[in-house]
Amino acid sequence: MNRAVGIALLVVGIVLIVYGLQASDSVSSGVSRLFTGAPTNRTLGFLLGGAASAVIGLVLTFRSSRA
């Protein structure tokens, strides 16, 4: 059961990272970077949430299950 949840979190994490990378190339993120030096909060949320989800998914997937 943990392995299935881990794989699902890993997939969700990868999808969120892809959305974050696409959002970082958007016009609004470019304007935000121009004035503040940082991408939009939405972009950061996608990237950080995706990274966290992917790491947790990897841990759950490859952690040895003890009976």
N, C-alpha and C. Protein backbone atom coordinates (compact mmCIF):
# COMPACT_ATOMS: atom_id res chain seq x y z
N MET A 1 0.82 -1.19 0.00
CA MET A 1 0.00 0.00 0.00
C MET A 1 0.86 1.26 0.00
N ASN A 2 1.93 1.27 0.83
CA ASN A 2 2.82 2.43 0.85
C ASN A 2 3.51 2.64 -0.49
N ARG A 3 3.81 1.54 -1.17
CA ARG A 3 4.47 1.64 -2.47
C ARG A 3 3.57 2.32 -3.49
N ALA A 4 2.27 2.00 -3.48
CA ALA A 4 1.33 2.62 -4.41
C ALA A 4 1.19 4.11 -4.12
N VAL A 5 1.10 4.48 -2.85
CA VAL A 5 1.02 5.88 -2.47
C VAL A 5 2.31 6.60 -2.86
N GLY A 6 3.44 5.95 -2.68
CA GLY A 6 4.72 6.53 -3.05
C GLY A 6 4.83 6.79 -4.54
N ILE A 7 4.38 5.84 -5.33
CA ILE A 7 4.42 6.01 -6.78
C ILE A 7 3.49 7.14 -7.21
N ALA A 8 2.31 7.21 -6.59
CA ALA A 8 1.36 8.29 -6.91
C ALA A 8 1.95 9.65 -6.55
N LEU A 9 2.59 9.76 -5.39
CA LEU A 9 3.21 11.03 -5.00
C LEU A 9 4.37 11.39 -5.91
N LEU A 10 5.11 10.40 -6.35
CA LEU A 10 6.21 10.64 -7.27
C LEU A 10 5.70 11.19 -8.60
N VAL A 11 4.64 10.60 -9.12
CA VAL A 11 4.05 11.06 -10.38
C VAL A 11 3.50 12.47 -10.22
N VAL A 12 2.78 12.72 -9.14
CA VAL A 12 2.23 14.06 -8.89
C VAL A 12 3.36 15.07 -8.76
N GLY A 13 4.44 14.69 -8.10
CA GLY A 13 5.58 15.59 -7.96
C GLY A 13 6.20 15.94 -9.29
N ILE A 14 6.35 14.96 -10.15
CA ILE A 14 6.93 15.21 -11.47
C ILE A 14 6.03 16.13 -12.29
N VAL A 15 4.72 15.89 -12.23
CA VAL A 15 3.78 16.74 -12.96
C VAL A 15 3.84 18.18 -12.45
N LEU A 16 3.89 18.36 -11.13
CA LEU A 16 3.97 19.70 -10.56
C LEU A 16 5.27 20.41 -10.96
N ILE A 17 6.36 19.68 -11.01
CA ILE A 17 7.63 20.27 -11.43
C ILE A 17 7.55 20.72 -12.88
N VAL A 18 6.93 19.90 -13.73
CA VAL A 18 6.78 20.28 -15.14
C VAL A 18 5.92 21.53 -15.26
N TYR A 19 4.80 21.60 -14.52
CA TYR A 19 3.96 22.80 -14.53
C TYR A 19 4.75 24.01 -14.02
N GLY A 20 5.55 23.82 -13.01
CA GLY A 20 6.35 24.91 -12.47
C GLY A 20 7.37 25.42 -13.47
N LEU A 21 7.99 24.52 -14.21
CA LEU A 21 8.95 24.93 -15.22
C LEU A 21 8.26 25.69 -16.35
N GLN A 22 7.06 25.25 -16.72
CA GLN A 22 6.31 25.96 -17.75
C GLN A 22 5.86 27.33 -17.24
N ALA A 23 5.46 27.40 -15.98
CA ALA A 23 5.03 28.67 -15.41
C ALA A 23 6.19 29.63 -15.27
N SER A 24 7.39 29.12 -15.08
CA SER A 24 8.55 30.01 -14.95
C SER A 24 8.87 30.71 -16.27
N ASP A 25 8.42 30.15 -17.38
CA ASP A 25 8.64 30.76 -18.70
C ASP A 25 7.49 31.67 -19.11
N SER A 26 6.50 31.85 -18.24
CA SER A 26 5.34 32.67 -18.60
C SER A 26 5.68 34.15 -18.55
N VAL A 27 4.81 34.95 -19.14
CA VAL A 27 5.01 36.40 -19.18
C VAL A 27 4.93 36.99 -17.77
N SER A 28 3.95 36.54 -16.98
CA SER A 28 3.79 37.10 -15.64
C SER A 28 5.00 36.80 -14.75
N SER A 29 5.56 35.63 -14.91
CA SER A 29 6.75 35.29 -14.13
C SER A 29 7.94 36.12 -14.58
N GLY A 30 8.02 36.39 -15.87
CA GLY A 30 9.09 37.23 -16.39
C GLY A 30 8.99 38.67 -15.88
N VAL A 31 7.77 39.20 -15.84
CA VAL A 31 7.56 40.55 -15.32
C VAL A 31 7.89 40.58 -13.83
N SER A 32 7.46 39.56 -13.10
CA SER A 32 7.75 39.50 -11.67
C SER A 32 9.26 39.44 -11.43
N ARG A 33 9.95 38.65 -12.22
CA ARG A 33 11.42 38.57 -12.08
C ARG A 33 12.08 39.90 -12.41
N LEU A 34 11.51 40.64 -13.37
CA LEU A 34 12.08 41.92 -13.75
C LEU A 34 12.03 42.92 -12.60
N PHE A 35 10.89 42.96 -11.88
CA PHE A 35 10.73 43.95 -10.82
C PHE A 35 11.19 43.48 -9.45
N THR A 36 11.01 42.21 -9.15
CA THR A 36 11.36 41.73 -7.80
C THR A 36 12.60 40.85 -7.77
N GLY A 37 13.00 40.34 -8.91
CA GLY A 37 14.14 39.44 -8.95
C GLY A 37 13.78 38.00 -8.63
N ALA A 38 12.51 37.73 -8.42
CA ALA A 38 12.06 36.37 -8.09
C ALA A 38 10.84 36.02 -8.93
N PRO A 39 10.65 34.75 -9.23
CA PRO A 39 9.45 34.35 -9.98
C PRO A 39 8.20 34.49 -9.11
N THR A 40 7.05 34.29 -9.71
CA THR A 40 5.79 34.44 -8.98
C THR A 40 5.64 33.38 -7.90
N ASN A 41 4.76 33.65 -6.97
CA ASN A 41 4.50 32.69 -5.89
C ASN A 41 3.92 31.39 -6.43
N ARG A 42 3.13 31.49 -7.48
CA ARG A 42 2.53 30.30 -8.08
C ARG A 42 3.62 29.38 -8.64
N THR A 43 4.58 29.96 -9.32
CA THR A 43 5.68 29.19 -9.87
C THR A 43 6.48 28.51 -8.76
N LEU A 44 6.79 29.29 -7.72
CA LEU A 44 7.54 28.71 -6.61
C LEU A 44 6.75 27.61 -5.91
N GLY A 45 5.43 27.80 -5.80
CA GLY A 45 4.59 26.77 -5.18
C GLY A 45 4.61 25.47 -5.97
N PHE A 46 4.51 25.59 -7.30
CA PHE A 46 4.58 24.39 -8.13
C PHE A 46 5.92 23.68 -7.99
N LEU A 47 6.99 24.45 -8.05
CA LEU A 47 8.33 23.84 -8.00
C LEU A 47 8.63 23.23 -6.64
N LEU A 48 8.36 23.97 -5.57
CA LEU A 48 8.65 23.46 -4.23
C LEU A 48 7.71 22.31 -3.85
N GLY A 49 6.43 22.45 -4.18
CA GLY A 49 5.48 21.38 -3.89
C GLY A 49 5.80 20.12 -4.67
N GLY A 50 6.19 20.29 -5.92
CA GLY A 50 6.57 19.14 -6.74
C GLY A 50 7.81 18.45 -6.23
N ALA A 51 8.79 19.23 -5.81
CA ALA A 51 10.02 18.65 -5.28
C ALA A 51 9.75 17.89 -3.98
N ALA A 52 8.97 18.49 -3.11
CA ALA A 52 8.65 17.82 -1.84
C ALA A 52 7.86 16.54 -2.08
N SER A 53 6.87 16.61 -2.97
CA SER A 53 6.07 15.43 -3.27
C SER A 53 6.91 14.33 -3.90
N ALA A 54 7.81 14.70 -4.78
CA ALA A 54 8.66 13.71 -5.44
C ALA A 54 9.61 13.04 -4.44
N VAL A 55 10.17 13.82 -3.53
CA VAL A 55 11.08 13.24 -2.53
C VAL A 55 10.33 12.30 -1.60
N ILE A 56 9.17 12.71 -1.14
CA ILE A 56 8.37 11.84 -0.25
C ILE A 56 7.95 10.59 -1.01
N GLY A 57 7.58 10.75 -2.30
CA GLY A 57 7.21 9.60 -3.11
C GLY A 57 8.36 8.63 -3.29
N LEU A 58 9.56 9.16 -3.51
CA LEU A 58 10.73 8.28 -3.63
C LEU A 58 11.01 7.53 -2.34
N VAL A 59 10.90 8.23 -1.23
CA VAL A 59 11.16 7.58 0.06
C VAL A 59 10.14 6.46 0.30
N LEU A 60 8.87 6.74 0.05
CA LEU A 60 7.84 5.72 0.28
C LEU A 60 7.97 4.55 -0.70
N THR A 61 8.40 4.84 -1.91
CA THR A 61 8.51 3.78 -2.91
C THR A 61 9.66 2.84 -2.63
N PHE A 62 10.80 3.39 -2.24
CA PHE A 62 11.99 2.56 -2.10
C PHE A 62 12.33 2.20 -0.66
N ARG A 63 11.51 2.63 0.27
CA ARG A 63 11.76 2.26 1.67
C ARG A 63 11.44 0.77 1.85
N SER A 64 12.27 0.08 2.58
CA SER A 64 12.02 -1.34 2.77
C SER A 64 10.85 -1.52 3.71
N SER A 65 9.91 -2.31 3.28
CA SER A 65 8.73 -2.56 4.12
C SER A 65 9.03 -3.72 5.06
N ARG A 66 8.85 -3.46 6.34
CA ARG A 66 9.13 -4.48 7.36
C ARG A 66 7.81 -5.00 7.91
N ALA A 67 7.71 -6.28 7.96
CA ALA A 67 6.47 -6.90 8.43
C ALA A 67 6.44 -7.04 9.93
